Amino acid sequence: MTERTRSKVDAGVLGENEEFQTDVGRSKSLGFCGLCLTALSFLLILITFPISIWFCLKIVKEYERAVIFRLGRLLGGAKGPGIFWILPCVDTFRKVDLRTVSFNIPPQELSIFQFVLTKDSVTIMVDGVVYYRVFNPTMSITKVEDANLATQMLAQTTLRNMLGTKSLADILRDREEMAEQMEEVLYSASKNWGIKLERVELKDVKLPQTLQRAMAAEAEATREARAKVIAAEGEMKASCALKEAADVMSESPAALQLRYLQTLAEIATERNSTVVFPIPMDLITSFMKK
């Protein structure tokens, strides 16, 4: 994703956070019944003290935050790390992990749709990996039911839709560019859930066995055709060289005789059972003229 696009999305995230914080501030009022129940909870703590203190103090780790709800209403922002205080009976909380999470985009043969159909009507199977983290625990709890599951489903849908607009050659050639485009789409969509996308990678592109065999046969046929062309070009060059040599020998009888003697010497050195009867060059010349 380009820095310009990321800055625009980050600006939108900041605006969304400010608006969300404003809504949280407006929802702090519990009403008369809520105040009464809160007062009763404080009274219960005082009556059962110090036993009740163990039910009021909670701990979250350095990489965690706690989102507290009082009578179903969001109570301020996220708490932590360390110790925080809740009221029994009226307060509930949920922990959110802020560490970077990675998950594999399931290969499409394991998803609901068995294959992905590309632009040129080729069925392929693609899997990838997505890295993200929660930057706003409150939004990740209140804006979506399950932020992790929603991000995974969004990644699968985005990958399937993007592959449907690309040809097989484009997918094999521009894998990094596709990952950047997918990252941009996921980044702009998941920001409303308090999710910050960090990286998207396409790990593997798998072709069906029938298509692999067809591509292998095509590649083999191409290699054979190229070999035949090279062999034909070699034969043509050799024929041209032989023709030039024959023209030179036909113009010089002495050269033809030297070639004749050289051939006899080569035959003699092979030590085979071939019997050679040399014929004078004059007879050969007169025979060739006839």
C-alpha atoms as a PDB file:
ATOM      1  CA  MET A   1       0.000   0.000   0.000  1.00  0.00           C
ATOM      2  CA  THR A   2       1.336   3.451  -0.884  1.00  0.00           C
ATOM      3  CA  GLU A   3       2.091   5.976   1.853  1.00  0.00           C
ATOM      4  CA  ARG A   4      -0.449   8.419   0.419  1.00  0.00           C
ATOM      5  CA  THR A   5      -3.248   5.862   0.543  1.00  0.00           C
ATOM      6  CA  ARG A   6      -2.253   4.719   4.022  1.00  0.00           C
ATOM      7  CA  SER A   7      -2.212   8.324   5.295  1.00  0.00           C
ATOM      8  CA  LYS A   8      -5.723   8.900   3.944  1.00  0.00           C
ATOM      9  CA  VAL A   9      -6.994   5.749   5.614  1.00  0.00           C
ATOM     10  CA  ASP A  10      -5.240   6.657   8.878  1.00  0.00           C
ATOM     11  CA  ALA A  11      -6.904  10.071   8.778  1.00  0.00           C
ATOM     12  CA  GLY A  12     -10.248   8.324   8.392  1.00  0.00           C
ATOM     13  CA  VAL A  13      -9.391   6.071  11.319  1.00  0.00           C
ATOM     14  CA  LEU A  14      -8.627   9.064  13.534  1.00  0.00           C
ATOM     15  CA  GLY A  15     -11.927  10.675  12.603  1.00  0.00           C
ATOM     16  CA  GLU A  16     -13.750   7.432  13.313  1.00  0.00           C
ATOM     17  CA  ASN A  17     -12.046   7.148  16.705  1.00  0.00           C
ATOM     18  CA  GLU A  18     -12.986  10.710  17.670  1.00  0.00           C
ATOM     19  CA  GLU A  19     -16.605  10.107  16.689  1.00  0.00           C
ATOM     20  CA  PHE A  20     -16.619   6.822  18.593  1.00  0.00           C
ATOM     21  CA  GLN A  21     -15.185   8.438  21.721  1.00  0.00           C
ATOM     22  CA  THR A  22     -17.897  11.092  21.515  1.00  0.00           C
ATOM     23  CA  ASP A  23     -20.573   8.381  21.379  1.00  0.00           C
ATOM     24  CA  VAL A  24     -18.994   6.645  24.361  1.00  0.00           C
ATOM     25  CA  GLY A  25     -19.065   9.870  26.341  1.00  0.00           C
ATOM     26  CA  ARG A  26     -22.751  10.311  25.602  1.00  0.00           C
ATOM     27  CA  SER A  27     -23.593   6.754  26.740  1.00  0.00           C
ATOM     28  CA  LYS A  28     -22.085   7.040  30.231  1.00  0.00           C
ATOM     29  CA  SER A  29     -25.392   7.986  31.865  1.00  0.00           C
ATOM     30  CA  LEU A  30     -26.847   4.904  33.551  1.00  0.00           C
ATOM     31  CA  GLY A  31     -30.207   6.367  34.529  1.00  0.00           C
ATOM     32  CA  PHE A  32     -31.905   6.153  37.913  1.00  0.00           C
ATOM     33  CA  CYS A  33     -32.158   2.343  37.991  1.00  0.00           C
ATOM     34  CA  GLY A  34     -28.544   1.982  36.959  1.00  0.00           C
ATOM     35  CA  LEU A  35     -27.393   4.315  39.713  1.00  0.00           C
ATOM     36  CA  CYS A  36     -29.434   2.380  42.254  1.00  0.00           C
ATOM     37  CA  LEU A  37     -27.937  -0.941  41.192  1.00  0.00           C
ATOM     38  CA  THR A  38     -24.455   0.555  41.268  1.00  0.00           C
ATOM     39  CA  ALA A  39     -25.056   1.832  44.800  1.00  0.00           C
ATOM     40  CA  LEU A  40     -26.285  -1.601  45.872  1.00  0.00           C
ATOM     41  CA  SER A  41     -23.164  -3.156  44.397  1.00  0.00           C
ATOM     42  CA  PHE A  42     -20.971  -0.783  46.423  1.00  0.00           C
ATOM     43  CA  LEU A  43     -22.978  -1.653  49.506  1.00  0.00           C
ATOM     44  CA  LEU A  44     -22.487  -5.366  48.847  1.00  0.00           C
ATOM     45  CA  ILE A  45     -18.734  -4.823  48.586  1.00  0.00           C
ATOM     46  CA  LEU A  46     -18.649  -3.011  51.923  1.00  0.00           C
ATOM     47  CA  ILE A  47     -20.705  -5.689  53.654  1.00  0.00           C
ATOM     48  CA  THR A  48     -18.617  -8.586  52.380  1.00  0.00           C
ATOM     49  CA  PHE A  49     -15.254  -6.822  52.681  1.00  0.00           C
ATOM     50  CA  PRO A  50     -12.474  -8.081  52.548  1.00  0.00           C
ATOM     51  CA  ILE A  51     -13.699 -11.216  50.777  1.00  0.00           C
ATOM     52  CA  SER A  52     -15.314  -9.172  48.011  1.00  0.00           C
ATOM     53  CA  ILE A  53     -12.017  -7.503  47.135  1.00  0.00           C
ATOM     54  CA  TRP A  54     -10.894 -10.699  45.374  1.00  0.00           C
ATOM     55  CA  PHE A  55     -13.882 -10.430  43.039  1.00  0.00           C
ATOM     56  CA  CYS A  56     -13.295  -6.745  42.285  1.00  0.00           C
ATOM     57  CA  LEU A  57      -9.611  -6.707  41.332  1.00  0.00           C
ATOM     58  CA  LYS A  58      -8.624  -8.085  37.938  1.00  0.00           C
ATOM     59  CA  ILE A  59      -5.288  -8.271  36.150  1.00  0.00           C
ATOM     60  CA  VAL A  60      -4.441  -8.018  32.460  1.00  0.00           C
ATOM     61  CA  LYS A  61      -1.018  -8.650  30.943  1.00  0.00           C
ATOM     62  CA  GLU A  62       1.180  -6.129  29.153  1.00  0.00           C
ATOM     63  CA  TYR A  63      -0.102  -7.150  25.727  1.00  0.00           C
ATOM     64  CA  GLU A  64      -3.772  -7.226  26.787  1.00  0.00           C
ATOM     65  CA  ARG A  65      -6.490  -4.662  27.403  1.00  0.00           C
ATOM     66  CA  ALA A  66      -9.848  -5.006  29.170  1.00  0.00           C
ATOM     67  CA  VAL A  67     -13.082  -3.460  27.887  1.00  0.00           C
ATOM     68  CA  ILE A  68     -15.565  -2.974  30.752  1.00  0.00           C
ATOM     69  CA  PHE A  69     -19.346  -2.816  30.469  1.00  0.00           C
ATOM     70  CA  ARG A  70     -21.509  -1.570  33.337  1.00  0.00           C
ATOM     71  CA  LEU A  71     -25.099  -2.745  33.043  1.00  0.00           C
ATOM     72  CA  GLY A  72     -24.516  -3.291  29.332  1.00  0.00           C
ATOM     73  CA  ARG A  73     -23.102   0.204  28.733  1.00  0.00           C
ATOM     74  CA  LEU A  74     -19.488   0.804  27.784  1.00  0.00           C
ATOM     75  CA  LEU A  75     -17.540   2.174  30.742  1.00  0.00           C
ATOM     76  CA  GLY A  76     -14.848   4.533  29.466  1.00  0.00           C
ATOM     77  CA  GLY A  77     -11.957   3.228  27.409  1.00  0.00           C
ATOM     78  CA  ALA A  78      -9.872   0.086  27.587  1.00  0.00           C
ATOM     79  CA  LYS A  79      -8.151  -0.696  30.891  1.00  0.00           C
ATOM     80  CA  GLY A  80      -4.682  -2.079  31.437  1.00  0.00           C
ATOM     81  CA  PRO A  81      -2.056  -3.287  31.585  1.00  0.00           C
ATOM     82  CA  GLY A  82      -1.928  -4.241  35.246  1.00  0.00           C
ATOM     83  CA  ILE A  83      -4.678  -4.161  37.874  1.00  0.00           C
ATOM     84  CA  PHE A  84      -8.110  -2.647  37.311  1.00  0.00           C
ATOM     85  CA  TRP A  85     -11.300  -2.468  39.350  1.00  0.00           C
ATOM     86  CA  ILE A  86     -14.794  -3.773  38.567  1.00  0.00           C
ATOM     87  CA  LEU A  87     -18.027  -3.914  40.506  1.00  0.00           C
ATOM     88  CA  PRO A  88     -19.457  -7.410  40.950  1.00  0.00           C
ATOM     89  CA  CYS A  89     -22.931  -8.094  39.566  1.00  0.00           C
ATOM     90  CA  VAL A  90     -23.075  -4.894  37.484  1.00  0.00           C
ATOM     91  CA  ASP A  91     -19.749  -4.943  35.596  1.00  0.00           C
ATOM     92  CA  THR A  92     -18.549  -7.375  32.950  1.00  0.00           C
ATOM     93  CA  PHE A  93     -15.357  -7.203  30.925  1.00  0.00           C
ATOM     94  CA  ARG A  94     -13.696  -8.775  27.911  1.00  0.00           C
ATOM     95  CA  LYS A  95      -9.985  -9.114  27.284  1.00  0.00           C
ATOM     96  CA  VAL A  96      -8.452  -8.141  23.950  1.00  0.00           C
ATOM     97  CA  ASP A  97      -5.022  -9.310  22.768  1.00  0.00           C
ATOM     98  CA  LEU A  98      -3.002  -6.496  21.136  1.00  0.00           C
ATOM     99  CA  ARG A  99      -0.263  -8.708  19.695  1.00  0.00           C
ATOM    100  CA  THR A 100       0.104  -9.190  15.966  1.00  0.00           C
ATOM    101  CA  VAL A 101      -1.986 -12.123  14.767  1.00  0.00           C
ATOM    102  CA  SER A 102      -1.314 -14.134  11.629  1.00  0.00           C
ATOM    103  CA  PHE A 103      -3.652 -16.558   9.915  1.00  0.00           C
ATOM    104  CA  ASN A 104      -3.555 -18.498   6.690  1.00  0.00           C
ATOM    105  CA  ILE A 105      -6.182 -17.748   4.104  1.00  0.00           C
ATOM    106  CA  PRO A 106      -7.492 -21.293   3.559  1.00  0.00           C
ATOM    107  CA  PRO A 107      -6.825 -22.744   0.095  1.00  0.00           C
ATOM    108  CA  GLN A 108      -9.964 -22.363  -1.920  1.00  0.00           C
ATOM    109  CA  GLU A 109     -10.423 -26.101  -2.257  1.00  0.00           C
ATOM    110  CA  LEU A 110     -11.135 -26.159   1.495  1.00  0.00           C
ATOM    111  CA  SER A 111     -13.608 -23.299   1.464  1.00  0.00           C
ATOM    112  CA  ILE A 112     -17.265 -23.242   0.522  1.00  0.00           C
ATOM    113  CA  PHE A 113     -16.408 -22.775  -3.133  1.00  0.00           C
ATOM    114  CA  GLN A 114     -14.117 -25.555  -4.285  1.00  0.00           C
ATOM    115  CA  PHE A 115     -12.148 -23.541  -6.834  1.00  0.00           C
ATOM    116  CA  VAL A 116     -11.462 -19.970  -7.900  1.00  0.00           C
ATOM    117  CA  LEU A 117     -12.355 -19.136 -11.488  1.00  0.00           C
ATOM    118  CA  THR A 118      -9.987 -16.644 -13.091  1.00  0.00           C
ATOM    119  CA  LYS A 119     -10.802 -14.121 -15.781  1.00  0.00           C
ATOM    120  CA  ASP A 120      -9.727 -16.527 -18.533  1.00  0.00           C
ATOM    121  CA  SER A 121     -11.898 -19.356 -17.101  1.00  0.00           C
ATOM    122  CA  VAL A 122      -9.074 -21.305 -15.443  1.00  0.00           C
ATOM    123  CA  THR A 123      -9.733 -22.982 -12.098  1.00  0.00           C
ATOM    124  CA  ILE A 124      -6.898 -22.467  -9.608  1.00  0.00           C
ATOM    125  CA  MET A 125      -6.301 -22.825  -5.874  1.00  0.00           C
ATOM    126  CA  VAL A 126      -4.589 -19.986  -3.988  1.00  0.00           C
ATOM    127  CA  ASP A 127      -3.687 -19.603  -0.326  1.00  0.00           C
ATOM    128  CA  GLY A 128      -2.126 -16.670   1.496  1.00  0.00           C
ATOM    129  CA  VAL A 129      -1.311 -15.261   4.923  1.00  0.00           C
ATOM    130  CA  VAL A 130      -2.522 -12.081   6.644  1.00  0.00           C
ATOM    131  CA  TYR A 131      -0.852 -10.260   9.560  1.00  0.00           C
ATOM    132  CA  TYR A 132      -2.912  -7.838  11.648  1.00  0.00           C
ATOM    133  CA  ARG A 133      -3.309  -6.496  15.165  1.00  0.00           C
ATOM    134  CA  VAL A 134      -5.920  -4.702  17.257  1.00  0.00           C
ATOM    135  CA  PHE A 135      -5.175  -0.984  17.640  1.00  0.00           C
ATOM    136  CA  ASN A 136      -8.485  -0.043  19.315  1.00  0.00           C
ATOM    137  CA  PRO A 137      -9.750  -2.701  21.743  1.00  0.00           C
ATOM    138  CA  THR A 138     -13.032  -0.892  22.361  1.00  0.00           C
ATOM    139  CA  MET A 139     -13.963  -0.748  18.677  1.00  0.00           C
ATOM    140  CA  SER A 140     -12.936  -4.381  18.141  1.00  0.00           C
ATOM    141  CA  ILE A 141     -15.482  -5.401  20.801  1.00  0.00           C
ATOM    142  CA  THR A 142     -18.362  -3.028  20.093  1.00  0.00           C
ATOM    143  CA  LYS A 143     -18.206  -2.685  16.295  1.00  0.00           C
ATOM    144  CA  VAL A 144     -18.090  -6.356  15.333  1.00  0.00           C
ATOM    145  CA  GLU A 145     -19.099  -9.593  17.026  1.00  0.00           C
ATOM    146  CA  ASP A 146     -15.833 -11.446  16.329  1.00  0.00           C
ATOM    147  CA  ALA A 147     -13.066  -9.279  14.886  1.00  0.00           C
ATOM    148  CA  ASN A 148     -10.750 -12.211  14.166  1.00  0.00           C
ATOM    149  CA  LEU A 149     -13.386 -14.227  12.318  1.00  0.00           C
ATOM    150  CA  ALA A 150     -14.613 -11.153  10.433  1.00  0.00           C
ATOM    151  CA  THR A 151     -11.078 -10.337   9.267  1.00  0.00           C
ATOM    152  CA  GLN A 152     -10.526 -13.903   8.079  1.00  0.00           C
ATOM    153  CA  MET A 153     -13.810 -14.017   6.172  1.00  0.00           C
ATOM    154  CA  LEU A 154     -13.107 -10.616   4.621  1.00  0.00           C
ATOM    155  CA  ALA A 155      -9.662 -11.806   3.506  1.00  0.00           C
ATOM    156  CA  GLN A 156     -11.126 -14.914   1.842  1.00  0.00           C
ATOM    157  CA  THR A 157     -13.831 -12.941   0.049  1.00  0.00           C
ATOM    158  CA  THR A 158     -11.413 -10.241  -1.097  1.00  0.00           C
ATOM    159  CA  LEU A 159      -8.959 -12.814  -2.420  1.00  0.00           C
ATOM    160  CA  ARG A 160     -11.675 -14.675  -4.326  1.00  0.00           C
ATOM    161  CA  ASN A 161     -13.091 -11.493  -5.861  1.00  0.00           C
ATOM    162  CA  MET A 162      -9.666 -10.198  -6.851  1.00  0.00           C
ATOM    163  CA  LEU A 163      -8.641 -13.470  -8.498  1.00  0.00           C
ATOM    164  CA  GLY A 164     -11.846 -13.411 -10.536  1.00  0.00           C
ATOM    165  CA  THR A 165     -10.682 -10.222 -12.276  1.00  0.00           C
ATOM    166  CA  LYS A 166      -7.208 -11.528 -13.172  1.00  0.00           C
ATOM    167  CA  SER A 167      -6.011 -13.955 -15.803  1.00  0.00           C
ATOM    168  CA  LEU A 168      -3.786 -16.903 -14.930  1.00  0.00           C
ATOM    169  CA  ALA A 169      -0.739 -15.206 -16.452  1.00  0.00           C
ATOM    170  CA  ASP A 170      -1.373 -12.047 -14.409  1.00  0.00           C
ATOM    171  CA  ILE A 171      -1.723 -14.060 -11.195  1.00  0.00           C
ATOM    172  CA  LEU A 172       1.532 -15.932 -11.744  1.00  0.00           C
ATOM    173  CA  ARG A 173       3.406 -12.792 -12.807  1.00  0.00           C
ATOM    174  CA  ASP A 174       2.018 -10.043 -10.535  1.00  0.00           C
ATOM    175  CA  ARG A 175       1.661 -11.868  -7.219  1.00  0.00           C
ATOM    176  CA  GLU A 176       3.256  -9.075  -5.167  1.00  0.00           C
ATOM    177  CA  GLU A 177       1.134  -6.399  -6.829  1.00  0.00           C
ATOM    178  CA  MET A 178      -2.015  -8.404  -6.081  1.00  0.00           C
ATOM    179  CA  ALA A 179      -0.953  -8.732  -2.443  1.00  0.00           C
ATOM    180  CA  GLU A 180      -0.555  -4.942  -2.210  1.00  0.00           C
ATOM    181  CA  GLN A 181      -3.989  -4.361  -3.747  1.00  0.00           C
ATOM    182  CA  MET A 182      -5.530  -6.868  -1.367  1.00  0.00           C
ATOM    183  CA  GLU A 183      -3.780  -5.207   1.580  1.00  0.00           C
ATOM    184  CA  GLU A 184      -5.224  -1.830   0.573  1.00  0.00           C
ATOM    185  CA  VAL A 185      -8.770  -3.220   0.386  1.00  0.00           C
ATOM    186  CA  LEU A 186      -8.507  -5.039   3.724  1.00  0.00           C
ATOM    187  CA  TYR A 187      -6.869  -2.059   5.424  1.00  0.00           C
ATOM    188  CA  SER A 188      -9.662   0.324   4.472  1.00  0.00           C
ATOM    189  CA  ALA A 189     -12.381  -2.179   5.452  1.00  0.00           C
ATOM    190  CA  SER A 190     -10.997  -3.433   8.777  1.00  0.00           C
ATOM    191  CA  LYS A 191     -10.191   0.015  10.209  1.00  0.00           C
ATOM    192  CA  ASN A 192     -13.811   0.389  11.338  1.00  0.00           C
ATOM    193  CA  TRP A 193     -13.359  -2.696  13.522  1.00  0.00           C
ATOM    194  CA  GLY A 194     -10.295  -1.373  15.327  1.00  0.00           C
ATOM    195  CA  ILE A 195      -8.066  -3.694  13.277  1.00  0.00           C
ATOM    196  CA  LYS A 196      -4.776  -2.518  11.773  1.00  0.00           C
ATOM    197  CA  LEU A 197      -3.629  -4.628   8.832  1.00  0.00           C
ATOM    198  CA  GLU A 198       0.152  -4.985   8.665  1.00  0.00           C
ATOM    199  CA  ARG A 199       0.947  -7.353   5.810  1.00  0.00           C
ATOM    200  CA  VAL A 200      -0.645  -9.619   3.212  1.00  0.00           C
ATOM    201  CA  GLU A 201       1.219 -12.295   1.255  1.00  0.00           C
ATOM    202  CA  LEU A 202       0.114 -14.822  -1.347  1.00  0.00           C
ATOM    203  CA  LYS A 203       2.005 -18.002  -0.522  1.00  0.00           C
ATOM    204  CA  ASP A 204       1.130 -20.467  -3.228  1.00  0.00           C
ATOM    205  CA  VAL A 205      -0.801 -20.773  -6.479  1.00  0.00           C
ATOM    206  CA  LYS A 206      -1.829 -24.358  -7.266  1.00  0.00           C
ATOM    207  CA  LEU A 207      -3.131 -25.564 -10.596  1.00  0.00           C
ATOM    208  CA  PRO A 208      -5.350 -28.632 -11.122  1.00  0.00           C
ATOM    209  CA  GLN A 209      -3.570 -31.806 -12.217  1.00  0.00           C
ATOM    210  CA  THR A 210      -5.219 -31.753 -15.645  1.00  0.00           C
ATOM    211  CA  LEU A 211      -4.028 -28.197 -16.255  1.00  0.00           C
ATOM    212  CA  GLN A 212      -0.534 -29.047 -15.030  1.00  0.00           C
ATOM    213  CA  ARG A 213      -0.340 -31.965 -17.472  1.00  0.00           C
ATOM    214  CA  ALA A 214      -1.640 -29.774 -20.297  1.00  0.00           C
ATOM    215  CA  MET A 215       0.920 -27.053 -19.547  1.00  0.00           C
ATOM    216  CA  ALA A 216       3.706 -29.653 -19.317  1.00  0.00           C
ATOM    217  CA  ALA A 217       2.673 -31.135 -22.679  1.00  0.00           C
ATOM    218  CA  GLU A 218       2.572 -27.660 -24.200  1.00  0.00           C
ATOM    219  CA  ALA A 219       6.025 -26.836 -22.845  1.00  0.00           C
ATOM    220  CA  GLU A 220       7.416 -30.158 -24.130  1.00  0.00           C
ATOM    221  CA  ALA A 221       5.908 -29.573 -27.574  1.00  0.00           C
ATOM    222  CA  THR A 222       7.424 -26.093 -27.634  1.00  0.00           C
ATOM    223  CA  ARG A 223      10.860 -27.481 -26.743  1.00  0.00           C
ATOM    224  CA  GLU A 224      10.617 -30.183 -29.418  1.00  0.00           C
ATOM    225  CA  ALA A 225       9.573 -27.649 -32.031  1.00  0.00           C
ATOM    226  CA  ARG A 226      12.469 -25.398 -31.068  1.00  0.00           C
ATOM    227  CA  ALA A 227      14.891 -28.351 -31.275  1.00  0.00           C
ATOM    228  CA  LYS A 228      13.624 -29.264 -34.743  1.00  0.00           C
ATOM    229  CA  VAL A 229      14.021 -25.685 -35.912  1.00  0.00           C
ATOM    230  CA  ILE A 230      17.577 -25.573 -34.584  1.00  0.00           C
ATOM    231  CA  ALA A 231      18.392 -28.924 -36.242  1.00  0.00           C
ATOM    232  CA  ALA A 232      16.936 -27.733 -39.553  1.00  0.00           C
ATOM    233  CA  GLU A 233      18.956 -24.532 -39.376  1.00  0.00           C
ATOM    234  CA  GLY A 234      22.097 -26.588 -38.690  1.00  0.00           C
ATOM    235  CA  GLU A 235      21.422 -28.882 -41.650  1.00  0.00           C
ATOM    236  CA  MET A 236      20.829 -25.888 -43.888  1.00  0.00           C
ATOM    237  CA  LYS A 237      24.134 -24.309 -42.853  1.00  0.00           C
ATOM    238  CA  ALA A 238      25.942 -27.642 -43.321  1.00  0.00           C
ATOM    239  CA  SER A 239      24.412 -28.064 -46.785  1.00  0.00           C
ATOM    240  CA  CYS A 240      25.522 -24.567 -47.760  1.00  0.00           C
ATOM    241  CA  ALA A 241      29.051 -25.337 -46.551  1.00  0.00           C
ATOM    242  CA  LEU A 242      29.126 -28.635 -48.503  1.00  0.00           C
ATOM    243  CA  LYS A 243      27.881 -26.886 -51.620  1.00  0.00           C
ATOM    244  CA  GLU A 244      30.609 -24.267 -51.351  1.00  0.00           C
ATOM    245  CA  ALA A 245      33.222 -26.991 -50.825  1.00  0.00           C
ATOM    246  CA  ALA A 246      31.919 -28.923 -53.863  1.00  0.00           C
ATOM    247  CA  ASP A 247      32.073 -25.789 -56.004  1.00  0.00           C
ATOM    248  CA  VAL A 248      35.676 -25.163 -54.950  1.00  0.00           C
ATOM    249  CA  MET A 249      36.697 -28.767 -55.668  1.00  0.00           C
ATOM    250  CA  SER A 250      34.986 -28.774 -59.059  1.00  0.00           C
ATOM    251  CA  GLU A 251      37.016 -25.739 -60.080  1.00  0.00           C
ATOM    252  CA  SER A 252      40.335 -27.299 -58.942  1.00  0.00           C
ATOM    253  CA  PRO A 253      41.073 -30.928 -60.015  1.00  0.00           C
ATOM    254  CA  ALA A 254      44.140 -30.969 -57.770  1.00  0.00           C
ATOM    255  CA  ALA A 255      41.990 -30.272 -54.731  1.00  0.00           C
ATOM    256  CA  LEU A 256      39.683 -33.137 -55.667  1.00  0.00           C
ATOM    257  CA  GLN A 257      42.654 -35.485 -55.985  1.00  0.00           C
ATOM    258  CA  LEU A 258      44.003 -34.424 -52.589  1.00  0.00           C
ATOM    259  CA  ARG A 259      40.617 -35.107 -51.046  1.00  0.00           C
ATOM    260  CA  TYR A 260      40.607 -38.528 -52.728  1.00  0.00           C
ATOM    261  CA  LEU A 261      43.998 -39.412 -51.251  1.00  0.00           C
ATOM    262  CA  GLN A 262      42.955 -38.146 -47.817  1.00  0.00           C
ATOM    263  CA  THR A 263      39.881 -40.376 -47.865  1.00  0.00           C
ATOM    264  CA  LEU A 264      42.035 -43.406 -48.739  1.00  0.00           C
ATOM    265  CA  ALA A 265      44.333 -42.635 -45.816  1.00  0.00           C
ATOM    266  CA  GLU A 266      41.401 -42.384 -43.416  1.00  0.00           C
ATOM    267  CA  ILE A 267      39.982 -45.722 -44.564  1.00  0.00           C
ATOM    268  CA  ALA A 268      43.372 -47.407 -44.144  1.00  0.00           C
ATOM    269  CA  THR A 269      43.727 -46.267 -40.535  1.00  0.00           C
ATOM    270  CA  GLU A 270      40.391 -47.733 -39.438  1.00  0.00           C
ATOM    271  CA  ARG A 271      41.736 -51.353 -39.533  1.00  0.00           C
ATOM    272  CA  ASN A 272      38.537 -52.892 -40.806  1.00  0.00           C
ATOM    273  CA  SER A 273      37.845 -55.629 -43.307  1.00  0.00           C
ATOM    274  CA  THR A 274      36.878 -53.232 -46.082  1.00  0.00           C
ATOM    275  CA  VAL A 275      38.779 -53.825 -49.338  1.00  0.00           C
ATOM    276  CA  VAL A 276      39.492 -50.666 -51.316  1.00  0.00           C
ATOM    277  CA  PHE A 277      40.481 -50.658 -54.982  1.00  0.00           C
ATOM    278  CA  PRO A 278      41.979 -47.287 -55.848  1.00  0.00           C
ATOM    279  CA  ILE A 279      41.043 -45.925 -59.258  1.00  0.00           C
ATOM    280  CA  PRO A 280      43.184 -43.333 -61.022  1.00  0.00           C
ATOM    281  CA  MET A 281      41.760 -39.824 -61.011  1.00  0.00           C
ATOM    282  CA  ASP A 282      41.888 -39.660 -64.810  1.00  0.00           C
ATOM    283  CA  LEU A 283      39.378 -42.484 -65.099  1.00  0.00           C
ATOM    284  CA  ILE A 284      37.146 -40.897 -62.469  1.00  0.00           C
ATOM    285  CA  THR A 285      37.290 -37.538 -64.256  1.00  0.00           C
ATOM    286  CA  SER A 286      36.439 -39.067 -67.619  1.00  0.00           C
ATOM    287  CA  PHE A 287      33.634 -41.084 -66.015  1.00  0.00           C
ATOM    288  CA  MET A 288      32.177 -38.000 -64.380  1.00  0.00           C
ATOM    289  CA  LYS A 289      32.271 -36.124 -67.707  1.00  0.00           C
ATOM    290  CA  LYS A 290      30.271 -38.877 -69.365  1.00  0.00           C
END
